[in-house]
Protein backbone atom coordinates (compact mmCIF):
# COMPACT_ATOMS: atom_id res chain seq x y z
CA MET A 1 12.93 -7.43 23.31
CA TYR A 2 12.07 -10.78 24.71
CA ASP A 3 12.98 -12.51 28.00
CA LYS A 4 14.64 -15.86 26.76
CA ALA A 5 14.65 -17.25 30.05
CA ALA A 6 11.16 -16.93 30.58
CA LEU A 7 10.41 -17.86 27.05
CA LEU A 8 12.32 -21.53 28.04
CA ALA A 9 10.81 -21.32 31.29
CA ALA A 10 6.98 -21.74 30.25
CA ALA A 11 8.39 -23.80 27.30
CA SER A 12 9.54 -26.23 30.13
CA ASN A 13 6.25 -26.04 31.90
CA PRO A 14 3.63 -26.39 29.86
CA ARG A 15 -0.18 -26.24 30.98
CA ARG A 16 -3.01 -27.89 28.97
CA ALA A 17 -5.05 -26.33 26.48
CA THR A 18 -8.29 -25.26 26.94
CA LEU A 19 -10.67 -24.33 23.75
CA ASP A 20 -10.36 -20.65 24.66
CA ASP A 21 -6.64 -21.29 23.38
CA ALA A 22 -7.86 -22.67 19.98
CA ASN A 23 -7.74 -19.11 18.04
CA PRO A 24 -4.76 -17.88 18.96
CA LEU A 25 -2.60 -21.44 18.91
CA SER A 26 -4.56 -21.96 15.11
CA LYS A 27 -2.65 -18.70 14.12
CA MET A 28 0.34 -19.23 15.68
CA PHE A 29 0.43 -23.01 14.51
CA ALA A 30 -0.70 -21.39 10.82
CA ALA A 31 2.24 -19.03 10.92
CA ALA A 32 4.66 -21.90 11.57
CA PHE A 33 3.69 -24.42 9.45
CA MET A 34 3.63 -21.59 6.34
CA ASP A 35 6.89 -23.10 4.90
CA ASP A 36 6.23 -26.45 5.71
CA PRO A 37 7.18 -28.51 2.42
CA LEU A 38 4.00 -31.01 2.97
CA PHE A 39 1.27 -28.28 3.64
CA ASP A 40 2.51 -26.19 0.57
CA TYR A 41 1.96 -29.21 -1.48
CA MET A 42 -1.79 -29.84 -0.40
CA VAL A 43 -3.07 -25.95 1.32
CA ARG A 44 -4.15 -24.09 -1.26
CA PRO A 45 -1.92 -21.29 -2.54
CA GLY A 46 -1.37 -17.42 -3.07
CA VAL A 47 -2.98 -15.08 -0.43
CA GLY A 48 -5.32 -17.39 0.78
CA ARG A 49 -2.62 -19.67 2.43
CA ARG A 50 -2.60 -18.09 5.96
CA ALA A 51 -6.43 -18.26 6.19
CA ALA A 52 -6.35 -21.60 4.88
CA LEU A 53 -4.09 -23.00 7.35
CA GLU A 54 -5.50 -21.22 10.19
CA LEU A 55 -8.87 -22.78 9.38
CA PHE A 56 -7.23 -26.01 9.09
CA PHE A 57 -5.81 -25.84 12.95
CA HIS A 58 -8.61 -24.30 14.76
CA LYS A 59 -10.66 -27.40 13.50
CA MET A 60 -8.33 -29.89 14.15
CA LEU A 61 -7.38 -28.26 17.64
CA SER A 62 -10.77 -27.33 18.63
CA LEU A 63 -12.68 -30.30 17.32
CA ARG A 64 -10.75 -33.08 18.08
CA ASP A 65 -7.35 -32.33 19.93
CA ILE A 66 -7.99 -29.99 22.41
CA PRO A 67 -11.44 -32.11 23.81
CA GLN A 68 -8.88 -35.25 24.01
CA GLY A 69 -6.56 -33.34 26.57
CA ASN A 70 -3.07 -33.88 25.29
CA VAL A 71 -2.48 -30.57 23.97
CA TRP A 72 0.32 -28.49 25.85
CA MET A 73 1.53 -25.05 25.58
CA SER A 74 3.80 -22.13 27.21
CA ALA A 75 1.49 -20.05 29.23
CA ASP A 76 2.83 -17.34 26.87
CA GLY A 77 1.81 -19.14 23.67
CA SER A 78 4.57 -19.35 22.11
CA ALA A 79 5.06 -22.81 22.06
CA CYS A 80 2.51 -25.93 21.82
CA VAL A 81 2.68 -29.56 21.40
CA SER A 82 -0.46 -31.68 20.39
CA TRP A 83 -0.13 -35.35 21.19
CA LEU A 84 -3.25 -37.53 20.62
CA SER A 85 -3.34 -40.47 23.28
CA PRO A 86 -3.22 -44.43 22.27
CA ASP A 87 -7.10 -44.79 22.07
CA ALA A 88 -7.85 -41.12 20.87
CA ARG A 89 -9.57 -40.60 17.88
CA ARG A 90 -7.31 -39.75 14.77
CA SER A 91 -8.85 -39.52 11.56
CA PRO A 92 -12.90 -38.69 10.53
CA THR A 93 -14.91 -42.01 9.10
CA LEU A 94 -15.41 -42.12 5.43
CA LEU A 95 -19.07 -40.41 6.53
CA ARG A 96 -17.50 -37.63 8.57
CA LYS A 97 -14.67 -37.02 5.66
CA ILE A 98 -17.98 -36.21 3.18
CA GLY A 99 -19.47 -33.89 5.48
CA LEU A 100 -16.46 -32.60 5.86
CA LEU A 101 -15.88 -31.81 2.31
CA PRO A 102 -17.08 -28.01 2.19
CA PHE A 103 -14.43 -27.71 5.09
CA LEU A 104 -11.72 -29.24 3.36
CA VAL A 105 -12.31 -27.38 -0.34
CA ARG A 106 -11.68 -24.22 2.22
CA VAL A 107 -8.52 -25.96 3.25
CA PHE A 108 -7.00 -27.59 0.15
CA SER A 109 -8.69 -25.62 -2.71
CA LEU A 110 -10.96 -27.82 -5.11
CA ALA A 111 -7.87 -28.12 -7.58
CA ARG A 112 -5.90 -30.18 -4.55
CA LEU A 113 -8.82 -31.41 -2.57
CA GLY A 114 -7.30 -34.75 -3.66
CA ARG A 115 -4.22 -34.20 -2.65
CA GLY A 116 -4.98 -33.52 0.75
CA LEU A 117 -7.20 -36.68 0.75
CA THR A 118 -4.30 -38.58 -0.48
CA VAL A 119 -2.01 -37.61 1.94
CA MET A 120 -4.62 -38.41 4.90
CA ASP A 121 -5.00 -41.60 3.50
CA VAL A 122 -1.38 -42.61 3.57
CA MET A 123 -0.24 -41.09 6.62
CA GLU A 124 -3.40 -43.67 8.73
CA LYS A 125 -2.66 -46.54 6.54
CA ASN A 126 0.98 -46.33 7.91
CA HIS A 127 0.19 -45.48 11.09
CA PRO A 128 1.91 -48.17 13.62
CA PRO A 129 -0.17 -50.76 15.18
CA GLY A 130 0.01 -50.92 19.03
CA ARG A 131 -0.57 -48.09 21.92
CA HIS A 132 1.18 -45.62 21.54
CA PHE A 133 1.47 -41.63 21.65
CA TYR A 134 0.97 -39.96 18.43
CA LEU A 135 2.81 -36.66 17.84
CA ALA A 136 0.05 -34.75 16.08
CA PHE A 137 1.86 -31.28 15.76
CA ILE A 138 4.30 -29.14 17.81
CA ALA A 139 5.03 -25.47 16.63
CA VAL A 140 6.67 -22.41 18.26
CA ALA A 141 5.83 -18.94 17.22
CA PRO A 142 8.33 -17.37 14.25
CA GLU A 143 9.87 -14.80 16.08
CA TYR A 144 11.04 -17.22 18.76
CA HIS A 145 12.54 -19.56 16.27
CA GLY A 146 15.98 -20.69 17.26
CA LEU A 147 15.96 -20.09 21.13
CA GLY A 148 14.99 -23.82 21.70
CA LEU A 149 11.70 -23.80 22.80
CA GLY A 150 10.29 -26.42 20.67
CA SER A 151 13.08 -29.15 22.62
CA ARG A 152 11.87 -27.81 25.81
CA ILE A 153 8.19 -28.46 25.60
CA LEU A 154 8.64 -31.38 23.52
CA LYS A 155 11.20 -32.85 26.37
CA ALA A 156 9.23 -32.06 28.97
CA THR A 157 5.81 -34.08 27.46
CA LEU A 158 7.96 -36.85 26.68
CA LYS A 159 8.79 -37.08 30.18
CA GLN A 160 4.65 -37.71 30.92
CA VAL A 161 4.71 -40.09 27.67
CA ASP A 162 7.95 -42.11 29.80
CA GLY A 163 6.07 -42.47 32.79
CA VAL A 164 3.29 -44.06 31.31
CA GLY A 165 5.96 -46.66 29.55
CA LEU A 166 5.00 -46.25 25.88
CA GLY A 167 6.43 -45.59 22.50
CA ALA A 168 6.03 -42.36 20.42
CA TYR A 169 5.15 -41.53 16.73
CA VAL A 170 5.88 -38.94 14.83
CA GLU A 171 5.58 -37.94 10.78
CA SER A 172 8.12 -35.44 10.16
CA SER A 173 6.79 -33.28 7.14
CA ASN A 174 9.98 -31.34 6.77
CA PRO A 175 13.75 -32.45 6.26
CA LYS A 176 14.75 -29.67 8.31
CA ASN A 177 13.37 -31.19 11.32
CA ALA A 178 14.50 -34.64 11.09
CA SER A 179 17.77 -33.63 13.57
CA PHE A 180 15.22 -32.11 16.39
CA TYR A 181 13.31 -35.14 16.68
CA GLU A 182 16.64 -37.22 16.43
CA ARG A 183 17.59 -35.33 19.63
CA THR A 184 14.64 -36.41 21.83
CA GLY A 185 15.36 -39.94 20.87
CA PHE A 186 12.91 -40.48 17.89
CA VAL A 187 14.65 -42.69 14.84
CA ALA A 188 13.24 -42.23 11.18
CA ARG A 189 11.68 -45.63 10.21
CA LYS A 190 10.85 -44.71 6.21
CA ASN A 191 9.58 -42.02 3.95
CA ILE A 192 6.32 -43.08 3.34
CA ALA A 193 5.45 -40.26 0.51
CA PRO A 194 4.86 -41.46 -3.06
CA ALA A 195 7.45 -40.22 -5.08
CA GLU A 196 5.79 -37.26 -6.14
CA TRP A 197 5.39 -35.81 -2.92
CA PRO A 198 7.62 -33.96 -0.56
CA SER A 199 9.03 -36.44 1.93
CA LEU A 200 6.97 -37.51 5.14
CA VAL A 201 8.96 -39.39 7.29
CA ALA A 202 7.82 -41.98 9.64
CA MET A 203 9.80 -41.80 13.12
CA TRP A 204 9.67 -43.73 16.25
CA ARG A 205 10.50 -43.23 19.45
CA GLU A 206 10.97 -46.61 22.12
CA PRO A 207 9.78 -45.55 25.62
CA LYS A 208 12.29 -44.71 28.18
CA LEU A 209 12.38 -45.88 31.82
CA MET A 210 11.54 -42.95 34.00
CA ASN A 211 11.61 -43.48 38.30
CA ASP A 212 9.36 -40.19 38.46
CA VAL A 213 7.48 -37.59 36.69
CA SER A 214 6.99 -34.62 38.18
CA GLU A 215 5.19 -32.68 35.48
CA ALA A 216 1.10 -33.34 35.38
CA SER A 217 0.48 -36.54 32.91
CA LEU A 218 -0.72 -37.00 29.90
CA ARG A 219 -4.27 -38.75 29.30
CA VAL A 220 -3.98 -42.33 28.37
């Protein structure tokens, strides 16, 4: 039996993740994204899917997101949100992608490699210009879905985004999550996915005026 009040309190007061958190967080993200339509479309199918997702999130968290300083998590590991700051590195260069091919094949499979590379390319080409925060990933451990932890951790970090007066951008890869983002001020702009894909909706949030931000600040 879990303590709902304690879970909500932890999500409302997240701490910055460290590299020591990459392994448990990658397992949590993999579990949370097992049924995501877009990941289902591009990640290898079958019994190897969970391992492929864990590998993907571990690489993203440990080599890109956590070192850039804006991955925030509940102290109990039940919820996590990964932001990228306005000047953060988002996508690898072409040369880096070539070096990543063995890893990408392990994640997507050879048969779905083209899908995965195309998804990455479409996301980057449709990324909005200007300085803003990018919500790369957000997840709650599946056993705690429906308790409001995602809303709590997102709102806590959005206060920090508002504290520096910048907008925020996210791509929603699951239609079920549209209302979740809308409740915190995100507005759908367009579906950037080609016709044969699952939907991938670009959403934008205008900055809100804040007089004070009590939480630790995101790195700009």
